[in-house]
Protein backbone atom coordinates (compact mmCIF):
# COMPACT_ATOMS: atom_id res chain seq x y z
CA MET A 1 -49.53 -92.04 -57.29
CA ALA A 2 -47.65 -92.77 -60.52
CA GLN A 3 -44.07 -93.94 -60.46
CA PRO A 4 -41.59 -91.51 -62.03
CA SER A 5 -40.37 -92.54 -65.46
CA ILE A 6 -36.84 -93.87 -65.89
CA SER A 7 -35.89 -90.57 -67.50
CA GLU A 8 -37.33 -88.56 -64.60
CA ALA A 9 -35.63 -90.82 -62.05
CA HIS A 10 -32.36 -90.48 -63.96
CA ASN A 11 -32.64 -86.68 -63.98
CA VAL A 12 -33.37 -86.69 -60.25
CA GLU A 13 -30.20 -88.75 -59.67
CA VAL A 14 -28.12 -86.38 -61.81
CA ASP A 15 -29.54 -83.38 -59.93
CA LYS A 16 -28.82 -85.08 -56.59
CA VAL A 17 -25.18 -85.78 -57.45
CA LYS A 18 -24.76 -82.24 -58.85
CA ALA A 19 -26.23 -80.78 -55.65
CA GLU A 20 -23.73 -82.82 -53.61
CA GLY A 21 -20.94 -81.37 -55.76
CA ASP A 22 -22.34 -77.87 -55.31
CA ALA A 23 -22.41 -78.33 -51.52
CA LEU A 24 -18.81 -79.58 -51.48
CA PHE A 25 -17.71 -76.68 -53.67
CA ALA A 26 -19.39 -74.20 -51.30
CA GLN A 27 -17.36 -75.76 -48.47
CA LYS A 28 -14.18 -75.25 -50.53
CA ARG A 29 -13.74 -79.03 -50.82
CA PHE A 30 -12.80 -78.64 -54.45
CA LYS A 31 -11.25 -82.06 -55.07
CA GLU A 32 -14.32 -83.83 -53.68
CA ALA A 33 -16.60 -81.53 -55.69
CA TYR A 34 -14.58 -82.37 -58.82
CA VAL A 35 -15.20 -86.07 -58.18
CA LYS A 36 -18.95 -85.51 -57.65
CA TYR A 37 -19.24 -83.55 -60.88
CA SER A 38 -17.33 -86.37 -62.62
CA ASP A 39 -19.87 -88.83 -61.22
CA ALA A 40 -22.71 -86.66 -62.51
CA ILE A 41 -21.06 -86.47 -65.95
CA LYS A 42 -20.99 -90.28 -66.04
CA LEU A 43 -24.77 -90.13 -65.63
CA ASP A 44 -25.33 -87.26 -68.10
CA GLY A 45 -22.46 -86.63 -70.48
CA ASN A 46 -24.35 -83.98 -72.44
CA ASN A 47 -24.89 -81.48 -69.63
CA ALA A 48 -22.80 -78.35 -70.21
CA ILE A 49 -23.30 -77.13 -66.64
CA LEU A 50 -21.73 -80.28 -65.21
CA TYR A 51 -18.63 -79.79 -67.35
CA GLY A 52 -18.53 -76.11 -66.42
CA ASN A 53 -18.81 -76.89 -62.73
CA ARG A 54 -16.08 -79.52 -62.95
CA ALA A 55 -13.89 -76.98 -64.73
CA THR A 56 -14.42 -74.39 -62.01
CA SER A 57 -13.65 -77.03 -59.37
CA ALA A 58 -10.35 -77.76 -61.09
CA LEU A 59 -9.62 -74.05 -61.37
CA SER A 60 -10.42 -73.47 -57.69
CA MET A 61 -8.48 -76.52 -56.56
CA ASN A 62 -5.44 -75.29 -58.42
CA GLU A 63 -5.67 -71.82 -56.98
CA TYR A 64 -5.75 -73.33 -53.51
CA VAL A 65 -2.81 -75.65 -54.20
CA LEU A 66 -0.77 -72.92 -55.84
CA HIS A 67 -1.42 -70.55 -52.96
CA PHE A 68 0.28 -72.92 -50.53
CA HIS A 69 2.81 -74.63 -52.80
CA TYR A 70 3.76 -72.10 -55.43
CA ASN A 71 7.49 -72.81 -55.16
CA ILE A 72 7.43 -76.59 -55.42
CA ASN A 73 8.06 -77.69 -59.01
CA VAL A 74 6.04 -80.91 -58.78
CA ARG A 75 3.00 -79.03 -57.53
CA LEU A 76 3.40 -76.51 -60.31
CA ILE A 77 3.36 -79.29 -62.92
CA LEU A 78 0.19 -80.76 -61.39
CA TYR A 79 -1.26 -77.27 -61.29
CA VAL A 80 -0.70 -76.66 -65.00
CA HIS A 81 -1.99 -80.15 -65.89
CA SER A 82 -5.21 -79.58 -63.94
CA TYR A 83 -5.71 -76.22 -65.62
CA LEU A 84 -5.45 -78.01 -68.95
CA ASP A 85 -8.13 -80.43 -67.71
CA ALA A 86 -10.26 -77.42 -66.75
CA ALA A 87 -9.75 -75.96 -70.22
CA SER A 88 -10.79 -79.25 -71.80
CA ASP A 89 -13.98 -79.37 -69.71
CA ALA A 90 -14.77 -75.73 -70.45
CA LYS A 91 -14.22 -76.28 -74.19
CA TYR A 92 -16.62 -79.21 -74.12
CA ALA A 93 -19.19 -77.19 -72.17
CA VAL A 94 -18.97 -74.44 -74.82
CA LYS A 95 -19.38 -77.06 -77.55
CA LEU A 96 -22.51 -78.39 -75.84
CA ASP A 97 -23.93 -74.91 -75.20
CA PRO A 98 -22.22 -72.00 -76.98
CA SER A 99 -24.38 -69.51 -75.05
CA TYR A 100 -23.09 -70.75 -71.66
CA TYR A 101 -21.10 -67.62 -70.80
CA LYS A 102 -19.62 -69.05 -67.59
CA ALA A 103 -17.94 -71.80 -69.63
CA TRP A 104 -16.36 -69.15 -71.87
CA ALA A 105 -15.04 -67.31 -68.80
CA ARG A 106 -13.65 -70.52 -67.29
CA LEU A 107 -12.03 -71.44 -70.58
CA GLY A 108 -10.29 -68.06 -70.73
CA LYS A 109 -9.15 -68.37 -67.13
CA ALA A 110 -7.82 -71.89 -67.64
CA GLU A 111 -5.99 -70.97 -70.85
CA HIS A 112 -4.49 -67.93 -69.15
CA ALA A 113 -3.38 -69.96 -66.14
CA SER A 114 -1.75 -72.60 -68.30
CA CYS A 115 0.29 -69.87 -70.02
CA SER A 116 -1.26 -70.44 -73.42
CA ARG A 117 -1.40 -66.80 -74.43
CA ARG A 118 -1.90 -67.61 -78.11
CA ASP A 119 -4.86 -69.85 -77.23
CA ILE A 120 -6.46 -67.06 -75.19
CA LEU A 121 -6.55 -64.86 -78.26
CA CYS A 122 -8.05 -67.68 -80.33
CA VAL A 123 -10.70 -68.46 -77.69
CA PHE A 124 -12.05 -64.94 -77.77
CA HIS A 125 -11.45 -64.48 -81.54
CA ILE A 126 -9.10 -61.56 -81.00
């Protein structure tokens, strides 16, 4: 049986790390999923889905944090900062694949959550 090529082995590793992130996300372990998607991005920095998944992890992590700590100013600052990170990831995912509709949705959600109303209008060309 032939050995897989380096490219095939690399893709298998990226898929494995992404699957680990997906499993963590499904368990609502958003911070750990974020780290796994970051690890996968280090392996394949041109994969729009990895950036989109990391963005949704950041969005979900922030929703969870805000739900329990909405009145603590420090948490709110971290919350807004992470939404900006989610927006950055979503923007890059859209740049890599403009037809990736989930990235557009995550970008709108992140911009909305970070209170950048003007940016929301620009994102959707309104």
